[in-house]
Amino acid sequence: MTKLTELERARLRWRARRGLLENDLIITRFLDRYEHDLTDEDVSALTLLFEMGDNELLEILLGKAGLQGQYDVVPLRRMIKQMQEL
């Protein structure tokens, strides 16, 4: 597992910025807690997740919808669960 550089961390946090405050709060809380433990696979999965539309992402973060298709992968399932538990 390689550690994220400061630049990679800044880029990940910038990509995590969302149009909906609720998404921002949930994702920022997750990154505050787990950022230093993220693997390259986790970062790739989060980058994919951040391509999702804001409303769709909020439904998933609130547990009202599940991950589907290309988003339904083990790292995202794990991280979404962690986000929901914070």
C-alpha atoms as a PDB file:
ATOM      1  CA  MET A   1       0.000   0.000   0.000  1.00  0.00           C
ATOM      2  CA  THR A   2       1.467   3.323  -1.021  1.00  0.00           C
ATOM      3  CA  LYS A   3       0.721   6.419   0.993  1.00  0.00           C
ATOM      4  CA  LEU A   4      -0.893   9.377  -0.709  1.00  0.00           C
ATOM      5  CA  THR A   5       1.356  12.353  -1.252  1.00  0.00           C
ATOM      6  CA  GLU A   6       0.195  15.767  -0.080  1.00  0.00           C
ATOM      7  CA  LEU A   7      -0.602  16.678  -3.690  1.00  0.00           C
ATOM      8  CA  GLU A   8      -2.631  13.492  -4.218  1.00  0.00           C
ATOM      9  CA  ARG A   9      -4.525  14.168  -0.973  1.00  0.00           C
ATOM     10  CA  ALA A  10      -5.300  17.722  -2.082  1.00  0.00           C
ATOM     11  CA  ARG A  11      -6.492  16.473  -5.476  1.00  0.00           C
ATOM     12  CA  LEU A  12      -8.704  13.827  -3.873  1.00  0.00           C
ATOM     13  CA  ARG A  13     -10.284  16.388  -1.553  1.00  0.00           C
ATOM     14  CA  TRP A  14     -10.798  18.781  -4.473  1.00  0.00           C
ATOM     15  CA  ARG A  15     -12.504  16.016  -6.485  1.00  0.00           C
ATOM     16  CA  ALA A  16     -14.653  15.218  -3.447  1.00  0.00           C
ATOM     17  CA  ARG A  17     -16.226  18.683  -3.455  1.00  0.00           C
ATOM     18  CA  ARG A  18     -19.847  18.320  -4.406  1.00  0.00           C
ATOM     19  CA  GLY A  19     -22.726  20.580  -5.357  1.00  0.00           C
ATOM     20  CA  LEU A  20     -24.812  19.370  -2.425  1.00  0.00           C
ATOM     21  CA  LEU A  21     -23.688  20.331   1.070  1.00  0.00           C
ATOM     22  CA  GLU A  22     -24.902  17.003   2.470  1.00  0.00           C
ATOM     23  CA  ASN A  23     -22.556  15.072   0.168  1.00  0.00           C
ATOM     24  CA  ASP A  24     -19.681  17.400   1.061  1.00  0.00           C
ATOM     25  CA  LEU A  25     -20.208  16.854   4.770  1.00  0.00           C
ATOM     26  CA  ILE A  26     -20.417  13.060   4.538  1.00  0.00           C
ATOM     27  CA  ILE A  27     -17.426  12.689   2.226  1.00  0.00           C
ATOM     28  CA  THR A  28     -15.274  15.192   4.140  1.00  0.00           C
ATOM     29  CA  ARG A  29     -15.996  13.389   7.413  1.00  0.00           C
ATOM     30  CA  PHE A  30     -14.970  10.117   5.761  1.00  0.00           C
ATOM     31  CA  LEU A  31     -11.745  11.602   4.373  1.00  0.00           C
ATOM     32  CA  ASP A  32     -10.913  13.209   7.726  1.00  0.00           C
ATOM     33  CA  ARG A  33     -11.118   9.769   9.335  1.00  0.00           C
ATOM     34  CA  TYR A  34      -9.800   7.387   6.647  1.00  0.00           C
ATOM     35  CA  GLU A  35      -7.717   9.418   4.186  1.00  0.00           C
ATOM     36  CA  HIS A  36      -4.375   8.154   5.483  1.00  0.00           C
ATOM     37  CA  ASP A  37      -5.519   4.521   5.193  1.00  0.00           C
ATOM     38  CA  LEU A  38      -6.721   4.679   1.572  1.00  0.00           C
ATOM     39  CA  THR A  39      -5.063   2.351  -0.911  1.00  0.00           C
ATOM     40  CA  ASP A  40      -4.501   3.080  -4.589  1.00  0.00           C
ATOM     41  CA  GLU A  41      -7.522   0.866  -5.302  1.00  0.00           C
ATOM     42  CA  ASP A  42      -9.619   2.933  -2.867  1.00  0.00           C
ATOM     43  CA  VAL A  43      -8.563   6.187  -4.513  1.00  0.00           C
ATOM     44  CA  SER A  44      -9.450   4.807  -7.951  1.00  0.00           C
ATOM     45  CA  ALA A  45     -12.841   3.668  -6.664  1.00  0.00           C
ATOM     46  CA  LEU A  46     -13.538   7.039  -5.035  1.00  0.00           C
ATOM     47  CA  THR A  47     -12.559   8.831  -8.233  1.00  0.00           C
ATOM     48  CA  LEU A  48     -15.141   6.722 -10.057  1.00  0.00           C
ATOM     49  CA  LEU A  49     -17.737   7.457  -7.368  1.00  0.00           C
ATOM     50  CA  PHE A  50     -17.101  11.191  -7.686  1.00  0.00           C
ATOM     51  CA  GLU A  51     -18.221  10.997 -11.324  1.00  0.00           C
ATOM     52  CA  MET A  52     -21.720  10.136 -10.119  1.00  0.00           C
ATOM     53  CA  GLY A  53     -24.353  12.878 -10.110  1.00  0.00           C
ATOM     54  CA  ASP A  54     -24.964  14.658  -6.808  1.00  0.00           C
ATOM     55  CA  ASN A  55     -28.543  13.504  -6.263  1.00  0.00           C
ATOM     56  CA  GLU A  56     -27.735   9.905  -7.143  1.00  0.00           C
ATOM     57  CA  LEU A  57     -24.726   9.979  -4.801  1.00  0.00           C
ATOM     58  CA  LEU A  58     -26.801  11.415  -1.958  1.00  0.00           C
ATOM     59  CA  GLU A  59     -29.377   8.622  -2.342  1.00  0.00           C
ATOM     60  CA  ILE A  60     -26.574   6.072  -1.985  1.00  0.00           C
ATOM     61  CA  LEU A  61     -24.901   7.822   0.946  1.00  0.00           C
ATOM     62  CA  LEU A  62     -28.248   7.990   2.766  1.00  0.00           C
ATOM     63  CA  GLY A  63     -28.925   4.304   2.080  1.00  0.00           C
ATOM     64  CA  LYS A  64     -31.984   5.003  -0.065  1.00  0.00           C
ATOM     65  CA  ALA A  65     -30.367   3.384  -3.120  1.00  0.00           C
ATOM     66  CA  GLY A  66     -27.628   0.850  -3.671  1.00  0.00           C
ATOM     67  CA  LEU A  67     -24.557   0.828  -5.834  1.00  0.00           C
ATOM     68  CA  GLN A  68     -25.224  -0.557  -9.303  1.00  0.00           C
ATOM     69  CA  GLY A  69     -23.301  -1.374 -12.455  1.00  0.00           C
ATOM     70  CA  GLN A  70     -19.737  -0.112 -12.589  1.00  0.00           C
ATOM     71  CA  TYR A  71     -20.088   1.349  -9.083  1.00  0.00           C
ATOM     72  CA  ASP A  72     -20.969  -1.956  -7.417  1.00  0.00           C
ATOM     73  CA  VAL A  73     -17.434  -2.956  -6.443  1.00  0.00           C
ATOM     74  CA  VAL A  74     -16.035  -4.172  -3.129  1.00  0.00           C
ATOM     75  CA  PRO A  75     -13.974  -1.055  -2.274  1.00  0.00           C
ATOM     76  CA  LEU A  76     -16.945   1.259  -2.843  1.00  0.00           C
ATOM     77  CA  ARG A  77     -19.329  -0.970  -0.887  1.00  0.00           C
ATOM     78  CA  ARG A  78     -16.874  -0.899   2.035  1.00  0.00           C
ATOM     79  CA  MET A  79     -16.266   2.852   1.888  1.00  0.00           C
ATOM     80  CA  ILE A  80     -19.972   3.705   1.496  1.00  0.00           C
ATOM     81  CA  LYS A  81     -20.665   1.615   4.603  1.00  0.00           C
ATOM     82  CA  GLN A  82     -17.936   3.498   6.461  1.00  0.00           C
ATOM     83  CA  MET A  83     -19.403   6.832   5.327  1.00  0.00           C
ATOM     84  CA  GLN A  84     -22.844   5.807   6.525  1.00  0.00           C
ATOM     85  CA  GLU A  85     -21.499   4.775   9.931  1.00  0.00           C
ATOM     86  CA  LEU A  86     -19.778   8.098  10.652  1.00  0.00           C
END
